[in-house]
Structure formats: C-alpha cells, structure tokens
C-alpha cells in the first residue's frame, strides 16, 4: 500500500510503498494482549523474600519443659515472637520473567503497526531536522501535522539530535530509535510517527 510522506512543515515529500506483510495484516486482540502482558510482566522486578522459621539460623533445641515453667510453651528460638526469629507469613519470592515465542512477539509488532495504519493514525516523515533544535519552532510544525495529544516518534538507527532537543520539553511527544519499537508504546500513543529510515529498518527487521 502507498502512504504519503510529509516534511516537518507538513509539505508533501512524495509517496512510500509500505510492505503489506508488515503494515497490512489484520490485527488480533488476543495476540496484542499476549504481547502487551508479556512486556509489562518483564518490567516487574523480583522482590526479595523474607526469611521464615525454616530460613533463620537459630537453635532448634526446645527452650524448656513443656509444662511447669510458668511461661508460654515454645519449641525453639526460631518462633516469630523472638528477636531474630523468622517472619510469620512473610513475603514469598515471585519471579516475573515470562517467556513468549519470538514469532508471536514479531507478529504482535506487525499487528500494532497495521492497527495504526488501519485507523489512520500513522504519519510518515521524510526527516526530523528542526532548525536550531528549538522547541518553539517544532511546536508550530507539529500543529500542522496533527500529532494529537500523545505521539510516538520512531527514527532510524540513531535519534535525530535536533528533534530530540526540541521535543524534550514537549509532554505529549516521545522519541525512540527503530530498535526500541514495541507494541505497548505504539498502542499507548494516539499517533505513530515514523521516519522513512524507521520504515526501512522495521520492514527489514520484521520481514526477514
């Protein structure tokens, strides 16, 4: 399919043929859900578990007689009531490191890109050069392009320094290199903006 390529000043810069195998497949909610869930689970850190009675290094010898001592009955010093004893009902270690097949991950990214094309939320730019890297100059250009409230801009191998400097103060604009493109960030933003270099990198990555 063909899509119009624009400059930052909203002027036309020609057309670009998008690969249907990457940008033209039908999105499936179940695949997108699996990939987003996997991404968010991978972000979670593994918390350290607390030491319970079986984990603390204290004597296991019975403290005294079962009866006749005039005090509460205890089996050993590991009981939670003693200083240095084990934690009662402590936190357990939970490992948030799920696995997901690479083919499913790649398919999810293709579907996320295709969903943006299908909804008309994809903008392709020739480049991201901003005069002097000034935020004021960029704001005026973005108004003409229709970026929406939240836009994700994906560049090629390296980020454009002038655009990165100019967009650093804009709350609704986020910038990523092509290697960082992911399903969660694409779906979270209202508009997806790709440079011509980003399209080439994504097609090479997903259609290999």
Protein backbone atom coordinates (compact mmCIF):
# COMPACT_ATOMS: atom_id res chain seq x y z
CA UNK A 1 0.00 0.00 0.00
CA UNK A 2 1.11 3.57 -0.61
CA UNK A 3 1.26 6.30 2.00
CA UNK A 4 2.05 9.96 1.66
CA UNK A 5 5.38 11.12 3.07
CA UNK A 6 5.50 14.58 4.61
CA UNK A 7 8.11 17.02 5.80
CA UNK A 8 8.01 18.52 9.28
CA UNK A 9 6.42 21.66 7.81
CA UNK A 10 3.51 19.48 6.56
CA UNK A 11 4.55 19.83 2.91
CA UNK A 12 4.44 16.76 0.65
CA UNK A 13 7.65 14.80 0.15
CA UNK A 14 6.42 12.06 -2.17
CA UNK A 15 4.93 8.62 -1.59
CA UNK A 16 6.25 5.48 0.07
CA UNK A 17 5.23 1.89 -0.62
CA UNK A 18 4.59 0.06 2.66
CA UNK A 19 5.14 -3.67 2.85
CA UNK A 20 1.77 -5.37 3.31
CA UNK A 21 3.43 -8.21 5.24
CA UNK A 22 4.36 -5.69 7.97
CA UNK A 23 1.81 -2.88 7.72
CA UNK A 24 -1.17 -4.59 6.11
CA UNK A 25 -2.16 -7.57 8.29
CA UNK A 26 -5.39 -7.82 10.26
CA UNK A 27 -4.83 -7.04 13.98
CA UNK A 28 -5.96 -9.62 16.54
CA UNK A 29 -6.80 -8.56 20.06
CA UNK A 30 -5.61 -11.85 21.59
CA UNK A 31 -2.12 -11.57 20.08
CA UNK A 32 -1.76 -7.91 21.07
CA UNK A 33 -2.94 -8.75 24.60
CA UNK A 34 -0.38 -11.55 24.94
CA UNK A 35 2.49 -9.33 23.82
CA UNK A 36 1.50 -6.35 25.99
CA UNK A 37 1.06 -8.63 29.03
CA UNK A 38 4.49 -10.15 28.39
CA UNK A 39 6.08 -6.69 28.11
CA UNK A 40 4.56 -5.43 31.35
CA UNK A 41 5.46 -8.62 33.22
CA UNK A 42 9.07 -8.33 32.04
CA UNK A 43 9.25 -4.86 33.60
CA UNK A 44 8.46 -6.14 37.09
CA UNK A 45 11.42 -6.71 39.34
CA UNK A 46 11.83 -9.79 41.50
CA UNK A 47 11.39 -8.83 45.16
CA UNK A 48 13.48 -10.48 47.88
CA UNK A 49 11.53 -12.90 50.01
CA UNK A 50 11.53 -12.61 53.80
CA UNK A 51 13.08 -15.32 55.98
CA UNK A 52 10.58 -17.53 57.75
CA UNK A 53 11.09 -20.01 60.59
CA UNK A 54 12.82 -22.56 58.40
CA UNK A 55 15.25 -19.96 56.99
CA UNK A 56 16.73 -18.31 60.10
CA UNK A 57 19.90 -19.70 61.71
CA UNK A 58 18.91 -20.21 65.34
CA UNK A 59 18.92 -23.13 67.73
CA UNK A 60 16.27 -25.79 67.21
CA UNK A 61 16.56 -27.02 70.76
CA UNK A 62 13.44 -26.87 72.90
CA UNK A 63 13.76 -23.99 75.38
CA UNK A 64 12.43 -25.76 78.42
CA UNK A 65 9.89 -28.20 79.70
CA UNK A 66 6.51 -28.32 78.02
CA UNK A 67 4.80 -27.70 81.39
CA UNK A 68 5.64 -26.31 84.79
CA UNK A 69 7.79 -23.39 83.73
CA UNK A 70 5.18 -20.74 84.38
CA UNK A 71 5.65 -19.26 80.90
CA UNK A 72 4.40 -19.78 77.38
CA UNK A 73 5.39 -23.00 75.63
CA UNK A 74 7.98 -22.72 72.85
CA UNK A 75 9.65 -25.29 70.68
CA UNK A 76 12.72 -23.28 69.59
CA UNK A 77 14.18 -19.79 69.12
CA UNK A 78 13.01 -19.56 65.51
CA UNK A 79 9.50 -18.56 66.56
CA UNK A 80 8.34 -15.15 65.26
CA UNK A 81 7.80 -13.85 68.82
CA UNK A 82 11.58 -13.85 69.48
CA UNK A 83 14.03 -11.22 68.27
CA UNK A 84 15.88 -12.76 65.38
CA UNK A 85 13.14 -15.28 64.74
CA UNK A 86 11.51 -16.00 61.42
CA UNK A 87 8.86 -13.78 59.88
CA UNK A 88 5.34 -15.10 60.24
CA UNK A 89 3.57 -15.38 56.87
CA UNK A 90 6.36 -13.47 55.16
CA UNK A 91 6.58 -12.33 51.56
CA UNK A 92 7.49 -15.05 49.08
CA UNK A 93 9.78 -14.64 46.09
CA UNK A 94 7.79 -14.30 42.87
CA UNK A 95 9.66 -14.39 39.60
CA UNK A 96 8.10 -12.17 36.92
CA UNK A 97 10.06 -13.42 33.93
CA UNK A 98 7.59 -14.98 31.49
CA UNK A 99 8.57 -16.30 28.11
CA UNK A 100 6.97 -15.58 24.76
CA UNK A 101 7.84 -17.03 21.39
CA UNK A 102 9.81 -14.67 19.13
CA UNK A 103 7.39 -15.27 16.29
CA UNK A 104 4.47 -14.16 18.46
CA UNK A 105 6.38 -11.04 19.53
CA UNK A 106 7.15 -10.17 15.91
CA UNK A 107 3.55 -10.83 14.91
CA UNK A 108 2.32 -8.55 17.69
CA UNK A 109 4.56 -5.72 16.48
CA UNK A 110 3.31 -6.15 12.92
CA UNK A 111 -0.28 -6.05 14.16
CA UNK A 112 0.36 -2.92 16.22
CA UNK A 113 1.82 -1.16 13.16
CA UNK A 114 -1.04 -2.38 10.99
CA UNK A 115 -3.59 -1.16 13.55
CA UNK A 116 -2.18 2.36 13.30
CA UNK A 117 -2.34 2.24 9.51
CA UNK A 118 -5.91 0.93 9.61
CA UNK A 119 -7.07 3.65 12.00
CA UNK A 120 -5.36 6.42 10.02
CA UNK A 121 -3.06 7.22 12.94
CA UNK A 122 0.22 6.69 11.09
CA UNK A 123 2.32 9.61 9.81
CA UNK A 124 5.47 9.08 7.77
CA UNK A 125 8.03 11.89 7.71
CA UNK A 126 10.97 12.40 5.41
CA UNK A 127 13.18 13.55 8.29
CA UNK A 128 13.19 15.16 11.73
CA UNK A 129 15.52 18.12 11.29
CA UNK A 130 14.44 21.08 13.44
CA UNK A 131 16.01 24.49 12.92
CA UNK A 132 18.46 25.17 15.78
CA UNK A 133 16.75 22.44 17.83
CA UNK A 134 14.24 24.98 19.18
CA UNK A 135 11.05 23.81 20.86
CA UNK A 136 9.10 26.85 19.68
CA UNK A 137 9.88 26.08 16.05
CA UNK A 138 8.84 22.45 16.49
CA UNK A 139 5.53 23.27 18.18
CA UNK A 140 4.42 25.30 15.19
CA UNK A 141 5.30 22.48 12.81
CA UNK A 142 3.56 19.78 14.84
CA UNK A 143 0.30 21.73 14.83
CA UNK A 144 0.18 21.47 11.05
CA UNK A 145 0.91 17.73 11.06
CA UNK A 146 -1.84 16.80 13.53
CA UNK A 147 0.18 14.80 16.04
CA UNK A 148 -2.68 14.54 18.54
CA UNK A 149 -2.38 14.55 22.34
CA UNK A 150 0.24 11.79 22.53
CA UNK A 151 2.57 10.90 19.68
CA UNK A 152 5.33 8.31 19.47
CA UNK A 153 8.08 9.26 17.02
CA UNK A 154 10.33 6.44 15.81
CA UNK A 155 13.53 7.28 13.97
CA UNK A 156 16.17 5.09 12.32
CA UNK A 157 19.31 3.65 13.91
CA UNK A 158 20.23 6.90 15.67
CA UNK A 159 17.96 9.60 17.04
CA UNK A 160 17.92 13.00 15.36
CA UNK A 161 19.70 15.27 17.84
CA UNK A 162 17.90 18.47 16.84
CA UNK A 163 14.47 16.83 17.16
CA UNK A 164 15.43 15.20 20.46
CA UNK A 165 16.49 18.58 21.86
CA UNK A 166 13.39 20.36 20.57
CA UNK A 167 10.91 17.72 21.73
CA UNK A 168 12.49 17.18 25.15
CA UNK A 169 10.15 19.75 26.74
CA UNK A 170 7.00 18.53 24.96
CA UNK A 171 4.97 16.32 27.24
CA UNK A 172 2.97 14.54 24.56
CA UNK A 173 5.86 13.64 22.22
CA UNK A 174 8.10 10.64 22.85
CA UNK A 175 11.06 9.62 20.70
CA UNK A 176 12.51 6.13 20.15
CA UNK A 177 15.05 4.56 17.78
CA UNK A 178 13.79 1.86 15.43
CA UNK A 179 15.35 -0.87 17.57
CA UNK A 180 13.19 0.25 20.52
CA UNK A 181 9.85 -0.04 18.71
CA UNK A 182 7.46 -2.11 20.81
CA UNK A 183 3.78 -2.99 20.94
CA UNK A 184 2.91 -1.36 24.27
CA UNK A 185 4.29 2.08 23.41
CA UNK A 186 2.77 2.04 19.92
CA UNK A 187 -0.70 1.21 21.21
CA UNK A 188 -0.46 3.63 24.15
CA UNK A 189 0.01 6.69 21.91
CA UNK A 190 -2.68 8.31 19.80
CA UNK A 191 -0.41 8.83 16.79
CA UNK A 192 2.53 6.84 15.46
CA UNK A 193 5.12 8.86 13.53
CA UNK A 194 7.76 7.03 11.51
CA UNK A 195 10.60 8.46 9.52
CA UNK A 196 11.44 6.97 6.15
CA UNK A 197 14.53 5.42 7.75
CA UNK A 198 12.38 3.88 10.51
CA UNK A 199 10.07 2.26 7.96
CA UNK A 200 13.06 0.69 6.20
CA UNK A 201 14.50 -0.61 9.48
CA UNK A 202 11.18 -2.06 10.68
CA UNK A 203 10.50 -3.77 7.37
CA UNK A 204 13.98 -5.27 7.35
CA UNK A 205 13.56 -6.43 10.96
CA UNK A 206 10.09 -7.93 10.59
CA UNK A 207 10.16 -9.24 7.05
CA UNK A 208 13.45 -11.10 7.19
